[in-house]
N, C-alpha and C. Protein backbone atom coordinates (compact mmCIF):
# COMPACT_ATOMS: atom_id res chain seq x y z
N UNK A 1 0.83 -1.19 0.01
CA UNK A 1 -0.02 -0.02 -0.01
C UNK A 1 0.90 1.21 -0.03
N UNK A 2 0.71 2.09 -0.99
CA UNK A 2 1.56 3.25 -1.14
C UNK A 2 0.75 4.53 -0.74
N UNK A 3 1.41 5.40 -0.01
CA UNK A 3 0.82 6.67 0.36
C UNK A 3 1.86 7.73 -0.16
N UNK A 4 1.36 8.65 -1.00
CA UNK A 4 2.16 9.76 -1.50
C UNK A 4 1.73 11.05 -0.81
N UNK A 5 2.68 11.74 -0.21
CA UNK A 5 2.34 13.01 0.45
C UNK A 5 2.94 14.15 -0.33
N UNK A 6 2.12 15.21 -0.61
CA UNK A 6 2.53 16.31 -1.44
C UNK A 6 2.65 17.58 -0.55
N UNK A 7 3.76 18.30 -0.73
CA UNK A 7 4.00 19.51 0.06
C UNK A 7 3.87 19.26 1.54
N UNK A 8 4.77 18.40 2.03
CA UNK A 8 4.74 17.94 3.40
C UNK A 8 5.26 19.04 4.32
N UNK A 9 4.52 19.32 5.40
CA UNK A 9 4.99 20.29 6.37
C UNK A 9 5.01 19.64 7.74
N UNK A 10 5.38 20.40 8.77
CA UNK A 10 5.48 19.82 10.09
C UNK A 10 4.06 19.47 10.65
N UNK A 11 3.05 20.20 10.34
CA UNK A 11 1.73 20.00 10.85
C UNK A 11 0.89 19.13 9.93
N UNK A 12 1.06 19.34 8.60
CA UNK A 12 0.21 18.62 7.69
C UNK A 12 0.79 18.64 6.25
N UNK A 13 0.30 17.75 5.44
CA UNK A 13 0.61 17.76 4.01
C UNK A 13 -0.52 18.48 3.30
N UNK A 14 -0.16 19.16 2.20
CA UNK A 14 -1.19 19.86 1.47
C UNK A 14 -2.09 18.95 0.67
N UNK A 15 -1.57 17.75 0.37
CA UNK A 15 -2.40 16.73 -0.27
C UNK A 15 -1.81 15.34 0.04
N UNK A 16 -2.63 14.35 -0.01
CA UNK A 16 -2.25 12.95 0.23
C UNK A 16 -2.93 12.10 -0.82
N UNK A 17 -2.17 11.26 -1.46
CA UNK A 17 -2.71 10.31 -2.45
C UNK A 17 -2.63 8.94 -1.89
N UNK A 18 -3.76 8.26 -1.94
CA UNK A 18 -3.84 6.87 -1.39
C UNK A 18 -4.98 6.11 -2.08
N UNK A 19 -4.63 4.95 -2.55
CA UNK A 19 -5.61 4.05 -3.12
C UNK A 19 -6.47 4.70 -4.23
N UNK A 20 -5.77 5.45 -5.14
CA UNK A 20 -6.46 6.09 -6.31
C UNK A 20 -7.23 7.34 -6.01
N UNK A 21 -7.07 7.87 -4.81
CA UNK A 21 -7.75 9.11 -4.48
C UNK A 21 -6.79 10.12 -3.90
N UNK A 22 -6.94 11.42 -4.29
CA UNK A 22 -6.16 12.47 -3.67
C UNK A 22 -7.08 13.28 -2.74
N UNK A 23 -6.56 13.57 -1.56
CA UNK A 23 -7.25 14.33 -0.56
C UNK A 23 -6.44 15.59 -0.33
N UNK A 24 -7.05 16.76 -0.49
CA UNK A 24 -6.34 17.99 -0.24
C UNK A 24 -6.66 18.48 1.18
N UNK A 25 -5.71 19.17 1.79
CA UNK A 25 -5.95 19.91 3.03
C UNK A 25 -6.89 21.07 2.69
N UNK A 26 -7.47 21.66 3.67
CA UNK A 26 -8.28 22.88 3.46
C UNK A 26 -7.33 23.95 2.89
N UNK A 27 -7.70 24.57 1.81
CA UNK A 27 -6.92 25.61 1.17
C UNK A 27 -7.50 26.99 1.46
N UNK A 28 -6.62 27.90 1.82
CA UNK A 28 -7.02 29.26 2.03
C UNK A 28 -6.21 30.23 1.17
N UNK A 29 -6.64 31.42 1.00
CA UNK A 29 -5.96 32.41 0.13
C UNK A 29 -4.79 33.02 0.88
N UNK A 30 -3.64 32.49 0.74
CA UNK A 30 -2.51 32.94 1.52
C UNK A 30 -2.07 34.35 1.06
N UNK A 31 -2.15 34.72 -0.20
CA UNK A 31 -1.75 36.01 -0.65
C UNK A 31 -2.93 36.97 -0.77
N UNK A 32 -4.11 36.43 -0.96
CA UNK A 32 -5.32 37.29 -1.16
C UNK A 32 -6.21 37.37 0.09
N UNK A 33 -5.68 36.85 1.23
CA UNK A 33 -6.45 36.93 2.48
C UNK A 33 -6.84 38.36 2.71
N UNK A 34 -8.07 38.55 3.09
CA UNK A 34 -8.59 39.89 3.33
C UNK A 34 -9.21 40.55 2.11
N UNK A 35 -8.97 39.91 0.93
CA UNK A 35 -9.59 40.40 -0.33
C UNK A 35 -11.09 39.94 -0.37
N UNK A 36 -11.73 40.18 -1.50
CA UNK A 36 -13.10 39.79 -1.68
C UNK A 36 -13.23 38.30 -1.71
N UNK A 37 -14.42 37.77 -1.47
CA UNK A 37 -14.69 36.33 -1.50
C UNK A 37 -14.27 35.78 -2.90
N UNK A 38 -14.59 36.56 -3.92
CA UNK A 38 -14.29 36.09 -5.27
C UNK A 38 -12.77 35.93 -5.49
N UNK A 39 -12.03 36.94 -5.05
CA UNK A 39 -10.54 36.90 -5.21
C UNK A 39 -9.95 35.76 -4.37
N UNK A 40 -10.42 35.58 -3.16
CA UNK A 40 -9.94 34.45 -2.34
C UNK A 40 -10.23 33.14 -2.99
N UNK A 41 -11.48 32.99 -3.49
CA UNK A 41 -11.90 31.77 -4.10
C UNK A 41 -11.02 31.45 -5.32
N UNK A 42 -10.78 32.48 -6.11
CA UNK A 42 -9.93 32.35 -7.31
C UNK A 42 -8.52 31.82 -7.01
N UNK A 43 -7.91 32.42 -5.94
CA UNK A 43 -6.60 31.95 -5.51
C UNK A 43 -6.63 30.51 -5.05
N UNK A 44 -7.64 30.19 -4.24
CA UNK A 44 -7.75 28.81 -3.64
C UNK A 44 -7.92 27.83 -4.76
N UNK A 45 -8.77 28.09 -5.77
CA UNK A 45 -8.98 27.14 -6.82
C UNK A 45 -7.72 26.94 -7.66
N UNK A 46 -6.90 28.02 -7.79
CA UNK A 46 -5.61 27.90 -8.49
C UNK A 46 -4.70 26.94 -7.70
N UNK A 47 -4.67 27.07 -6.36
CA UNK A 47 -3.90 26.18 -5.53
C UNK A 47 -4.36 24.75 -5.64
N UNK A 48 -5.68 24.55 -5.71
CA UNK A 48 -6.21 23.25 -5.85
C UNK A 48 -5.82 22.64 -7.19
N UNK A 49 -5.91 23.42 -8.28
CA UNK A 49 -5.45 22.96 -9.60
C UNK A 49 -4.03 22.47 -9.55
N UNK A 50 -3.16 23.22 -8.89
CA UNK A 50 -1.72 22.88 -8.79
C UNK A 50 -1.49 21.58 -7.99
N UNK A 51 -2.20 21.43 -6.87
CA UNK A 51 -2.13 20.21 -6.10
C UNK A 51 -2.63 18.98 -6.82
N UNK A 52 -3.76 19.15 -7.51
CA UNK A 52 -4.30 18.07 -8.31
C UNK A 52 -3.30 17.64 -9.38
N UNK A 53 -2.70 18.61 -10.04
CA UNK A 53 -1.70 18.31 -11.06
C UNK A 53 -0.51 17.53 -10.48
N UNK A 54 -0.01 17.95 -9.32
CA UNK A 54 1.08 17.24 -8.70
C UNK A 54 0.72 15.82 -8.34
N UNK A 55 -0.59 15.56 -8.11
CA UNK A 55 -1.11 14.24 -7.79
C UNK A 55 -1.40 13.38 -9.06
N UNK A 56 -1.29 14.05 -10.23
CA UNK A 56 -1.55 13.34 -11.48
C UNK A 56 -3.01 13.31 -11.88
N UNK A 57 -3.77 14.32 -11.48
CA UNK A 57 -5.20 14.37 -11.81
C UNK A 57 -5.61 15.84 -12.06
N UNK A 58 -6.87 16.08 -12.21
CA UNK A 58 -7.37 17.41 -12.43
C UNK A 58 -8.84 17.55 -11.93
N UNK A 59 -9.37 18.75 -12.07
CA UNK A 59 -10.70 19.03 -11.55
C UNK A 59 -11.84 18.26 -12.22
N UNK A 60 -11.58 17.69 -13.39
CA UNK A 60 -12.65 16.90 -14.00
C UNK A 60 -12.85 15.56 -13.25
N UNK A 61 -11.96 15.26 -12.33
CA UNK A 61 -12.08 14.00 -11.60
C UNK A 61 -12.47 14.24 -10.11
N UNK A 62 -12.99 15.43 -9.82
CA UNK A 62 -13.41 15.73 -8.42
C UNK A 62 -14.53 14.78 -8.02
N UNK A 63 -14.39 14.34 -6.77
CA UNK A 63 -15.42 13.45 -6.15
C UNK A 63 -16.23 14.23 -5.18
N UNK A 64 -15.53 15.02 -4.29
CA UNK A 64 -16.24 15.70 -3.23
C UNK A 64 -15.52 17.03 -2.93
N UNK A 65 -16.29 18.03 -2.54
CA UNK A 65 -15.71 19.32 -2.11
C UNK A 65 -16.44 19.78 -0.85
N UNK A 66 -15.66 20.31 0.05
CA UNK A 66 -16.21 20.95 1.28
C UNK A 66 -15.72 22.39 1.30
N UNK A 67 -16.67 23.32 1.42
CA UNK A 67 -16.39 24.74 1.40
C UNK A 67 -16.86 25.37 2.69
N UNK A 68 -15.98 26.16 3.28
CA UNK A 68 -16.37 26.91 4.48
C UNK A 68 -16.27 28.38 4.10
N UNK A 69 -17.30 29.17 4.44
CA UNK A 69 -17.23 30.60 4.27
C UNK A 69 -17.71 31.26 5.55
N UNK A 70 -17.18 32.46 5.81
CA UNK A 70 -17.49 33.10 7.03
C UNK A 70 -18.83 33.81 7.14
N UNK A 71 -19.43 34.06 5.96
CA UNK A 71 -20.72 34.77 5.94
C UNK A 71 -21.58 34.21 4.80
N UNK A 72 -22.64 33.47 5.16
CA UNK A 72 -23.45 32.86 4.10
C UNK A 72 -24.16 33.93 3.18
N UNK A 73 -24.21 35.14 3.68
CA UNK A 73 -24.79 36.18 2.80
C UNK A 73 -23.92 36.44 1.60
N UNK A 74 -22.64 36.00 1.68
CA UNK A 74 -21.68 36.21 0.57
C UNK A 74 -21.48 34.96 -0.29
N UNK A 75 -22.37 33.97 -0.11
CA UNK A 75 -22.39 32.64 -0.81
C UNK A 75 -22.28 32.84 -2.31
N UNK A 76 -23.08 33.75 -2.86
CA UNK A 76 -23.08 33.95 -4.34
C UNK A 76 -21.81 34.43 -4.87
N UNK A 77 -21.00 35.24 -4.13
CA UNK A 77 -19.75 35.74 -4.60
C UNK A 77 -18.73 34.58 -4.77
N UNK A 78 -18.77 33.63 -3.84
CA UNK A 78 -17.89 32.51 -3.90
C UNK A 78 -18.34 31.61 -5.10
N UNK A 79 -19.70 31.39 -5.18
CA UNK A 79 -20.26 30.50 -6.19
C UNK A 79 -19.98 31.01 -7.59
N UNK A 80 -19.96 32.27 -7.81
CA UNK A 80 -19.73 32.82 -9.15
C UNK A 80 -18.37 32.35 -9.66
N UNK A 81 -17.38 32.37 -8.85
CA UNK A 81 -16.00 31.94 -9.20
C UNK A 81 -16.00 30.40 -9.33
N UNK A 82 -16.57 29.71 -8.34
CA UNK A 82 -16.63 28.25 -8.35
C UNK A 82 -17.34 27.74 -9.69
N UNK A 83 -18.45 28.30 -10.01
CA UNK A 83 -19.19 27.89 -11.17
C UNK A 83 -18.40 28.06 -12.47
N UNK A 84 -17.60 29.09 -12.56
CA UNK A 84 -16.80 29.33 -13.74
C UNK A 84 -15.60 28.35 -13.79
N UNK A 85 -15.19 27.83 -12.64
CA UNK A 85 -14.01 26.95 -12.57
C UNK A 85 -14.37 25.48 -12.72
N UNK A 86 -15.42 25.05 -12.06
CA UNK A 86 -15.73 23.61 -12.01
C UNK A 86 -15.95 23.04 -13.43
N UNK A 87 -15.51 21.79 -13.61
CA UNK A 87 -15.65 21.17 -14.96
C UNK A 87 -17.10 20.78 -15.22
N UNK A 88 -17.67 21.35 -16.29
CA UNK A 88 -19.09 21.09 -16.64
C UNK A 88 -19.34 19.58 -16.80
N UNK A 89 -20.40 19.08 -16.18
CA UNK A 89 -20.74 17.69 -16.26
C UNK A 89 -19.93 16.82 -15.35
N UNK A 90 -18.98 17.38 -14.60
CA UNK A 90 -18.16 16.65 -13.69
C UNK A 90 -18.18 17.27 -12.27
N UNK A 91 -19.31 17.89 -11.91
CA UNK A 91 -19.40 18.52 -10.65
C UNK A 91 -19.38 17.49 -9.46
N UNK A 92 -18.68 17.79 -8.41
CA UNK A 92 -18.54 16.87 -7.28
C UNK A 92 -19.73 16.95 -6.36
N UNK A 93 -19.83 15.97 -5.47
CA UNK A 93 -20.72 16.17 -4.33
C UNK A 93 -20.11 17.31 -3.55
N UNK A 94 -21.01 18.16 -2.93
CA UNK A 94 -20.42 19.38 -2.34
C UNK A 94 -21.22 19.79 -1.13
N UNK A 95 -20.57 20.32 -0.11
CA UNK A 95 -21.21 20.94 1.03
C UNK A 95 -20.57 22.30 1.19
N UNK A 96 -21.34 23.31 1.61
CA UNK A 96 -20.84 24.64 1.91
C UNK A 96 -21.50 25.05 3.25
N UNK A 97 -20.66 25.42 4.21
CA UNK A 97 -21.22 25.80 5.46
C UNK A 97 -20.58 27.14 5.91
N UNK A 98 -21.30 27.82 6.83
CA UNK A 98 -20.73 29.05 7.41
C UNK A 98 -19.99 28.70 8.68
N UNK A 99 -18.79 29.26 8.78
CA UNK A 99 -17.95 28.96 9.90
C UNK A 99 -16.88 29.99 10.13
N UNK A 100 -16.40 30.13 11.35
CA UNK A 100 -15.21 30.93 11.59
C UNK A 100 -14.06 30.16 11.01
N UNK A 101 -13.03 30.88 10.50
CA UNK A 101 -11.85 30.23 9.96
C UNK A 101 -10.64 30.53 10.84
N UNK A 102 -9.51 29.92 10.55
CA UNK A 102 -8.37 30.00 11.45
C UNK A 102 -7.84 31.44 11.77
N UNK A 103 -7.94 32.27 10.78
CA UNK A 103 -7.53 33.71 10.95
C UNK A 103 -8.61 34.61 10.41
N UNK A 104 -8.82 35.78 10.97
CA UNK A 104 -9.87 36.70 10.55
C UNK A 104 -9.72 37.12 9.06
N UNK A 105 -8.52 37.13 8.51
CA UNK A 105 -8.36 37.57 7.13
C UNK A 105 -8.88 36.52 6.14
N UNK A 106 -9.10 35.27 6.56
CA UNK A 106 -9.65 34.25 5.65
C UNK A 106 -11.15 34.19 5.72
N UNK A 107 -11.77 34.26 4.54
CA UNK A 107 -13.21 34.21 4.45
C UNK A 107 -13.68 32.91 3.75
N UNK A 108 -12.77 32.25 3.07
CA UNK A 108 -13.16 31.05 2.27
C UNK A 108 -12.06 29.99 2.48
N UNK A 109 -12.50 28.77 2.69
CA UNK A 109 -11.54 27.63 2.75
C UNK A 109 -12.23 26.47 1.92
N UNK A 110 -11.41 25.80 1.18
CA UNK A 110 -11.98 24.72 0.34
C UNK A 110 -11.08 23.52 0.42
N UNK A 111 -11.68 22.36 0.57
CA UNK A 111 -10.97 21.06 0.58
C UNK A 111 -11.67 20.13 -0.40
N UNK A 112 -10.88 19.42 -1.24
CA UNK A 112 -11.49 18.50 -2.20
C UNK A 112 -10.88 17.14 -2.14
N UNK A 113 -11.59 16.19 -2.73
CA UNK A 113 -11.06 14.84 -2.95
C UNK A 113 -11.34 14.57 -4.46
N UNK A 114 -10.36 13.86 -5.06
CA UNK A 114 -10.50 13.54 -6.51
C UNK A 114 -9.91 12.18 -6.79
N UNK A 115 -10.38 11.58 -7.83
CA UNK A 115 -9.85 10.36 -8.33
C UNK A 115 -8.53 10.65 -9.06
N UNK A 116 -7.56 9.71 -9.00
CA UNK A 116 -6.31 9.90 -9.68
C UNK A 116 -6.30 9.06 -10.93
């Protein structure tokens, strides 16, 4: 049984590949923190694209997505960017909930799973 860890840190890996599935850690907008929900979502989805590529897959193979936002009244701002990014006909199972995030500058966090 092989486990591949991508961008390994002291606390966590940014992605883990096991048994044909890649699991990403929750991604936040490290450079766009404090920006609009749309800008944060755009940066996060770019990070997810890069992690999926390192794992040998892409967004057309998404299985599941979990999204946390700090204000459900801003749901449509995040969705506008998500809808433009997600692969048509390959949308994952998805949940989106309102929650406080690790730092006040973060308003959006996204974690995905995809087939490899």
